[in-house]
Amino acid sequence: MTWEYRIVYFGTEPLRDEAEYERQLHDGVRVLNELGGQGWELVQFLGHPSSKDTWKHHAVFKRPRTAG
């Protein structure tokens, strides 16, 4: 079996308040559910600092490659 991969950027800025955190959380869940529905499986979540108080996050997905 061969795989195809997809990397999705999830930017994380310093959160201002609880409402902003909840919005970002639900947006992220929506994206994960959409990709799961397309056959993508989350295999890794990578984070690295981009400044003193901001991190960048990337999700790595894979799914079986279809013939063609």
PDB file of N, CA and C in Angstrom:
ATOM      1  N   MET A   1       0.844  -1.174   0.000  1.00  0.00           N
ATOM      2  CA  MET A   1       0.000   0.000   0.000  1.00  0.00           C
ATOM      3  C   MET A   1       0.893   1.242   0.000  1.00  0.00           C
ATOM      4  N   THR A   2       0.480   2.208  -0.758  1.00  0.00           N
ATOM      5  CA  THR A   2       1.187   3.491  -0.751  1.00  0.00           C
ATOM      6  C   THR A   2       0.281   4.551  -0.133  1.00  0.00           C
ATOM      7  N   TRP A   3       0.904   5.592   0.359  1.00  0.00           N
ATOM      8  CA  TRP A   3       0.190   6.639   1.084  1.00  0.00           C
ATOM      9  C   TRP A   3       0.345   7.985   0.401  1.00  0.00           C
ATOM     10  N   GLU A   4      -0.624   8.828   0.596  1.00  0.00           N
ATOM     11  CA  GLU A   4      -0.468  10.240   0.266  1.00  0.00           C
ATOM     12  C   GLU A   4      -0.583  11.008   1.573  1.00  0.00           C
ATOM     13  N   TYR A   5       0.099  12.133   1.633  1.00  0.00           N
ATOM     14  CA  TYR A   5       0.178  12.913   2.871  1.00  0.00           C
ATOM     15  C   TYR A   5      -0.329  14.329   2.633  1.00  0.00           C
ATOM     16  N   ARG A   6      -0.784  14.913   3.706  1.00  0.00           N
ATOM     17  CA  ARG A   6      -1.246  16.300   3.671  1.00  0.00           C
ATOM     18  C   ARG A   6      -0.822  16.955   4.972  1.00  0.00           C
ATOM     19  N   ILE A   7      -0.331  18.177   4.879  1.00  0.00           N
ATOM     20  CA  ILE A   7       0.043  18.945   6.064  1.00  0.00           C
ATOM     21  C   ILE A   7      -0.853  20.170   6.133  1.00  0.00           C
ATOM     22  N   VAL A   8      -1.476  20.361   7.292  1.00  0.00           N
ATOM     23  CA  VAL A   8      -2.397  21.472   7.495  1.00  0.00           C
ATOM     24  C   VAL A   8      -1.830  22.369   8.583  1.00  0.00           C
ATOM     25  N   TYR A   9      -1.780  23.645   8.300  1.00  0.00           N
ATOM     26  CA  TYR A   9      -1.273  24.629   9.259  1.00  0.00           C
ATOM     27  C   TYR A   9      -2.391  25.045  10.204  1.00  0.00           C
ATOM     28  N   PHE A  10      -2.121  24.951  11.493  1.00  0.00           N
ATOM     29  CA  PHE A  10      -3.012  25.454  12.529  1.00  0.00           C
ATOM     30  C   PHE A  10      -2.234  26.541  13.261  1.00  0.00           C
ATOM     31  N   GLY A  11      -2.502  27.803  12.963  1.00  0.00           N
ATOM     32  CA  GLY A  11      -1.777  28.891  13.606  1.00  0.00           C
ATOM     33  C   GLY A  11      -2.330  29.154  14.986  1.00  0.00           C
ATOM     34  N   THR A  12      -1.467  29.320  15.951  1.00  0.00           N
ATOM     35  CA  THR A  12      -1.893  29.620  17.309  1.00  0.00           C
ATOM     36  C   THR A  12      -1.275  30.938  17.738  1.00  0.00           C
ATOM     37  N   GLU A  13      -2.112  31.916  17.883  1.00  0.00           N
ATOM     38  CA  GLU A  13      -1.676  33.212  18.383  1.00  0.00           C
ATOM     39  C   GLU A  13      -1.935  33.265  19.880  1.00  0.00           C
ATOM     40  N   PRO A  14      -1.295  34.169  20.577  1.00  0.00           N
ATOM     41  CA  PRO A  14      -1.636  34.318  22.003  1.00  0.00           C
ATOM     42  C   PRO A  14      -3.143  34.589  22.135  1.00  0.00           C
ATOM     43  N   LEU A  15      -3.812  33.816  22.950  1.00  0.00           N
ATOM     44  CA  LEU A  15      -5.255  33.947  23.084  1.00  0.00           C
ATOM     45  C   LEU A  15      -5.606  35.099  24.008  1.00  0.00           C
ATOM     46  N   ARG A  16      -6.568  35.887  23.591  1.00  0.00           N
ATOM     47  CA  ARG A  16      -6.957  37.060  24.350  1.00  0.00           C
ATOM     48  C   ARG A  16      -7.944  36.737  25.464  1.00  0.00           C
ATOM     49  N   ASP A  17      -8.834  35.770  25.200  1.00  0.00           N
ATOM     50  CA  ASP A  17      -9.859  35.469  26.205  1.00  0.00           C
ATOM     51  C   ASP A  17     -10.430  34.072  25.964  1.00  0.00           C
ATOM     52  N   GLU A  18     -11.300  33.659  26.849  1.00  0.00           N
ATOM     53  CA  GLU A  18     -11.900  32.323  26.784  1.00  0.00           C
ATOM     54  C   GLU A  18     -12.750  32.140  25.530  1.00  0.00           C
ATOM     55  N   ALA A  19     -13.454  33.172  25.118  1.00  0.00           N
ATOM     56  CA  ALA A  19     -14.302  33.076  23.923  1.00  0.00           C
ATOM     57  C   ALA A  19     -13.453  32.813  22.678  1.00  0.00           C
ATOM     58  N   GLU A  20     -12.310  33.470  22.571  1.00  0.00           N
ATOM     59  CA  GLU A  20     -11.417  33.255  21.433  1.00  0.00           C
ATOM     60  C   GLU A  20     -10.863  31.829  21.446  1.00  0.00           C
ATOM     61  N   TYR A  21     -10.506  31.344  22.620  1.00  0.00           N
ATOM     62  CA  TYR A  21     -10.029  29.962  22.742  1.00  0.00           C
ATOM     63  C   TYR A  21     -11.093  28.986  22.259  1.00  0.00           C
ATOM     64  N   GLU A  22     -12.333  29.168  22.709  1.00  0.00           N
ATOM     65  CA  GLU A  22     -13.429  28.281  22.315  1.00  0.00           C
ATOM     66  C   GLU A  22     -13.665  28.328  20.813  1.00  0.00           C
ATOM     67  N   ARG A  23     -13.607  29.505  20.216  1.00  0.00           N
ATOM     68  CA  ARG A  23     -13.807  29.632  18.770  1.00  0.00           C
ATOM     69  C   ARG A  23     -12.738  28.862  18.013  1.00  0.00           C
ATOM     70  N   GLN A  24     -11.469  29.052  18.400  1.00  0.00           N
ATOM     71  CA  GLN A  24     -10.374  28.354  17.726  1.00  0.00           C
ATOM     72  C   GLN A  24     -10.473  26.847  17.929  1.00  0.00           C
ATOM     73  N   LEU A  25     -10.853  26.426  19.114  1.00  0.00           N
ATOM     74  CA  LEU A  25     -10.998  25.002  19.388  1.00  0.00           C
ATOM     75  C   LEU A  25     -12.055  24.379  18.480  1.00  0.00           C
ATOM     76  N   HIS A  26     -13.212  25.005  18.377  1.00  0.00           N
ATOM     77  CA  HIS A  26     -14.292  24.463  17.559  1.00  0.00           C
ATOM     78  C   HIS A  26     -13.961  24.531  16.064  1.00  0.00           C
ATOM     79  N   ASP A  27     -13.264  25.568  15.631  1.00  0.00           N
ATOM     80  CA  ASP A  27     -12.816  25.632  14.241  1.00  0.00           C
ATOM     81  C   ASP A  27     -11.872  24.471  13.928  1.00  0.00           C
ATOM     82  N   GLY A  28     -10.972  24.178  14.854  1.00  0.00           N
ATOM     83  CA  GLY A  28     -10.036  23.071  14.666  1.00  0.00           C
ATOM     84  C   GLY A  28     -10.740  21.730  14.603  1.00  0.00           C
ATOM     85  N   VAL A  29     -11.717  21.521  15.453  1.00  0.00           N
ATOM     86  CA  VAL A  29     -12.485  20.268  15.448  1.00  0.00           C
ATOM     87  C   VAL A  29     -13.238  20.123  14.129  1.00  0.00           C
ATOM     88  N   ARG A  30     -13.793  21.220  13.629  1.00  0.00           N
ATOM     89  CA  ARG A  30     -14.508  21.180  12.357  1.00  0.00           C
ATOM     90  C   ARG A  30     -13.581  20.735  11.231  1.00  0.00           C
ATOM     91  N   VAL A  31     -12.373  21.289  11.178  1.00  0.00           N
ATOM     92  CA  VAL A  31     -11.402  20.918  10.154  1.00  0.00           C
ATOM     93  C   VAL A  31     -11.018  19.442  10.288  1.00  0.00           C
ATOM     94  N   LEU A  32     -10.763  18.989  11.511  1.00  0.00           N
ATOM     95  CA  LEU A  32     -10.408  17.584  11.721  1.00  0.00           C
ATOM     96  C   LEU A  32     -11.533  16.659  11.264  1.00  0.00           C
ATOM     97  N   ASN A  33     -12.771  16.994  11.568  1.00  0.00           N
ATOM     98  CA  ASN A  33     -13.900  16.167  11.148  1.00  0.00           C
ATOM     99  C   ASN A  33     -14.056  16.152   9.628  1.00  0.00           C
ATOM    100  N   GLU A  34     -13.861  17.287   8.980  1.00  0.00           N
ATOM    101  CA  GLU A  34     -13.953  17.336   7.524  1.00  0.00           C
ATOM    102  C   GLU A  34     -12.896  16.443   6.884  1.00  0.00           C
ATOM    103  N   LEU A  35     -11.667  16.547   7.368  1.00  0.00           N
ATOM    104  CA  LEU A  35     -10.593  15.729   6.797  1.00  0.00           C
ATOM    105  C   LEU A  35     -10.800  14.252   7.091  1.00  0.00           C
ATOM    106  N   GLY A  36     -11.250  13.928   8.286  1.00  0.00           N
ATOM    107  CA  GLY A  36     -11.556  12.536   8.617  1.00  0.00           C
ATOM    108  C   GLY A  36     -12.627  11.975   7.696  1.00  0.00           C
ATOM    109  N   GLY A  37     -13.617  12.779   7.369  1.00  0.00           N
ATOM    110  CA  GLY A  37     -14.676  12.367   6.454  1.00  0.00           C
ATOM    111  C   GLY A  37     -14.180  12.117   5.040  1.00  0.00           C
ATOM    112  N   GLN A  38     -13.035  12.709   4.692  1.00  0.00           N
ATOM    113  CA  GLN A  38     -12.425  12.511   3.376  1.00  0.00           C
ATOM    114  C   GLN A  38     -11.415  11.368   3.383  1.00  0.00           C
ATOM    115  N   GLY A  39     -11.318  10.670   4.526  1.00  0.00           N
ATOM    116  CA  GLY A  39     -10.410   9.533   4.613  1.00  0.00           C
ATOM    117  C   GLY A  39      -9.033   9.838   5.167  1.00  0.00           C
ATOM    118  N   TRP A  40      -8.789  11.082   5.573  1.00  0.00           N
ATOM    119  CA  TRP A  40      -7.488  11.450   6.123  1.00  0.00           C
ATOM    120  C   TRP A  40      -7.403  11.035   7.586  1.00  0.00           C
ATOM    121  N   GLU A  41      -6.254  10.499   7.970  1.00  0.00           N
ATOM    122  CA  GLU A  41      -5.985  10.100   9.355  1.00  0.00           C
ATOM    123  C   GLU A  41      -4.875  10.981   9.915  1.00  0.00           C
ATOM    124  N   LEU A  42      -5.117  11.577  11.075  1.00  0.00           N
ATOM    125  CA  LEU A  42      -4.095  12.393  11.735  1.00  0.00           C
ATOM    126  C   LEU A  42      -2.995  11.470  12.260  1.00  0.00           C
ATOM    127  N   VAL A  43      -1.749  11.715  11.847  1.00  0.00           N
ATOM    128  CA  VAL A  43      -0.647  10.858  12.291  1.00  0.00           C
ATOM    129  C   VAL A  43       0.382  11.599  13.139  1.00  0.00           C
ATOM    130  N   GLN A  44       0.386  12.926  13.090  1.00  0.00           N
ATOM    131  CA  GLN A  44       1.359  13.682  13.878  1.00  0.00           C
ATOM    132  C   GLN A  44       0.877  15.114  14.023  1.00  0.00           C
ATOM    133  N   PHE A  45       1.172  15.709  15.166  1.00  0.00           N
ATOM    134  CA  PHE A  45       0.876  17.115  15.380  1.00  0.00           C
ATOM    135  C   PHE A  45       2.175  17.773  15.805  1.00  0.00           C
ATOM    136  N   LEU A  46       2.652  18.714  15.016  1.00  0.00           N
ATOM    137  CA  LEU A  46       3.962  19.335  15.236  1.00  0.00           C
ATOM    138  C   LEU A  46       3.795  20.775  15.674  1.00  0.00           C
ATOM    139  N   GLY A  47       4.553  21.186  16.654  1.00  0.00           N
ATOM    140  CA  GLY A  47       4.538  22.568  17.102  1.00  0.00           C
ATOM    141  C   GLY A  47       5.945  23.102  17.241  1.00  0.00           C
ATOM    142  N   HIS A  48       6.123  24.356  16.886  1.00  0.00           N
ATOM    143  CA  HIS A  48       7.415  25.007  17.101  1.00  0.00           C
ATOM    144  C   HIS A  48       7.187  26.493  17.361  1.00  0.00           C
ATOM    145  N   PRO A  49       8.018  27.071  18.212  1.00  0.00           N
ATOM    146  CA  PRO A  49       7.833  28.491  18.536  1.00  0.00           C
ATOM    147  C   PRO A  49       8.208  29.370  17.348  1.00  0.00           C
ATOM    148  N   SER A  50       7.390  30.397  17.128  1.00  0.00           N
ATOM    149  CA  SER A  50       7.721  31.363  16.084  1.00  0.00           C
ATOM    150  C   SER A  50       8.111  32.712  16.687  1.00  0.00           C
ATOM    151  N   SER A  51       7.821  32.892  17.963  1.00  0.00           N
ATOM    152  CA  SER A  51       8.256  34.076  18.705  1.00  0.00           C
ATOM    153  C   SER A  51       8.202  33.718  20.184  1.00  0.00           C
ATOM    154  N   LYS A  52       8.448  34.703  21.019  1.00  0.00           N
ATOM    155  CA  LYS A  52       8.486  34.449  22.459  1.00  0.00           C
ATOM    156  C   LYS A  52       7.196  33.829  22.996  1.00  0.00           C
ATOM    157  N   ASP A  53       6.039  34.292  22.508  1.00  0.00           N
ATOM    158  CA  ASP A  53       4.772  33.817  23.052  1.00  0.00           C
ATOM    159  C   ASP A  53       3.809  33.249  22.005  1.00  0.00           C
ATOM    160  N   THR A  54       4.323  32.904  20.819  1.00  0.00           N
ATOM    161  CA  THR A  54       3.487  32.366  19.755  1.00  0.00           C
ATOM    162  C   THR A  54       4.100  31.085  19.209  1.00  0.00           C
ATOM    163  N   TRP A  55       3.255  30.090  19.045  1.00  0.00           N
ATOM    164  CA  TRP A  55       3.679  28.828  18.446  1.00  0.00           C
ATOM    165  C   TRP A  55       2.947  28.607  17.140  1.00  0.00           C
ATOM    166  N   LYS A  56       3.593  27.954  16.195  1.00  0.00           N
ATOM    167  CA  LYS A  56       2.950  27.500  14.965  1.00  0.00           C
ATOM    168  C   LYS A  56       2.728  26.004  15.104  1.00  0.00           C
ATOM    169  N   HIS A  57       1.575  25.534  14.642  1.00  0.00           N
ATOM    170  CA  HIS A  57       1.256  24.118  14.721  1.00  0.00           C
ATOM    171  C   HIS A  57       0.877  23.597  13.338  1.00  0.00           C
ATOM    172  N   HIS A  58       1.354  22.417  13.033  1.00  0.00           N
ATOM    173  CA  HIS A  58       1.045  21.749  11.776  1.00  0.00           C
ATOM    174  C   HIS A  58       0.562  20.337  12.081  1.00  0.00           C
ATOM    175  N   ALA A  59      -0.495  19.932  11.419  1.00  0.00           N
ATOM    176  CA  ALA A  59      -1.025  18.575  11.559  1.00  0.00           C
ATOM    177  C   ALA A  59      -0.662  17.802  10.298  1.00  0.00           C
ATOM    178  N   VAL A  60      -0.147  16.592  10.476  1.00  0.00           N
ATOM    179  CA  VAL A  60       0.226  15.736   9.362  1.00  0.00           C
ATOM    180  C   VAL A  60      -0.819  14.623   9.257  1.00  0.00           C
ATOM    181  N   PHE A  61      -1.384  14.481   8.075  1.00  0.00           N
ATOM    182  CA  PHE A  61      -2.401  13.469   7.811  1.00  0.00           C
ATOM    183  C   PHE A  61      -1.917  12.522   6.725  1.00  0.00           C
ATOM    184  N   LYS A  62      -2.466  11.300   6.719  1.00  0.00           N
ATOM    185  CA  LYS A  62      -2.196  10.375   5.624  1.00  0.00           C
ATOM    186  C   LYS A  62      -3.462   9.614   5.296  1.00  0.00           C
ATOM    187  N   ARG A  63      -3.505   9.094   4.064  1.00  0.00           N
ATOM    188  CA  ARG A  63      -4.564   8.193   3.634  1.00  0.00           C
ATOM    189  C   ARG A  63      -4.026   7.330   2.501  1.00  0.00           C
ATOM    190  N   PRO A  64      -4.638   6.187   2.300  1.00  0.00           N
ATOM    191  CA  PRO A  64      -4.163   5.327   1.208  1.00  0.00           C
ATOM    192  C   PRO A  64      -4.297   6.047  -0.134  1.00  0.00           C
ATOM    193  N   ARG A  65      -3.278   5.883  -0.953  1.00  0.00           N
ATOM    194  CA  ARG A  65      -3.299   6.470  -2.288  1.00  0.00           C
ATOM    195  C   ARG A  65      -4.183   5.603  -3.175  1.00  0.00           C
ATOM    196  N   THR A  66      -5.052   6.251  -3.921  1.00  0.00           N
ATOM    197  CA  THR A  66      -5.907   5.502  -4.823  1.00  0.00           C
ATOM    198  C   THR A  66      -5.200   5.314  -6.160  1.00  0.00           C
ATOM    199  N   ALA A  67      -5.512   4.234  -6.826  1.00  0.00           N
ATOM    200  CA  ALA A  67      -4.892   3.958  -8.133  1.00  0.00           C
ATOM    201  C   ALA A  67      -5.344   5.023  -9.126  1.00  0.00           C
ATOM    202  N   GLY A  68      -4.398   5.381  -9.993  1.00  0.00           N
ATOM    203  CA  GLY A  68      -4.780   6.333 -11.012  1.00  0.00           C
ATOM    204  C   GLY A  68      -3.866   7.411 -11.244  1.00  0.00           C
TER     205      GLY A  68
END
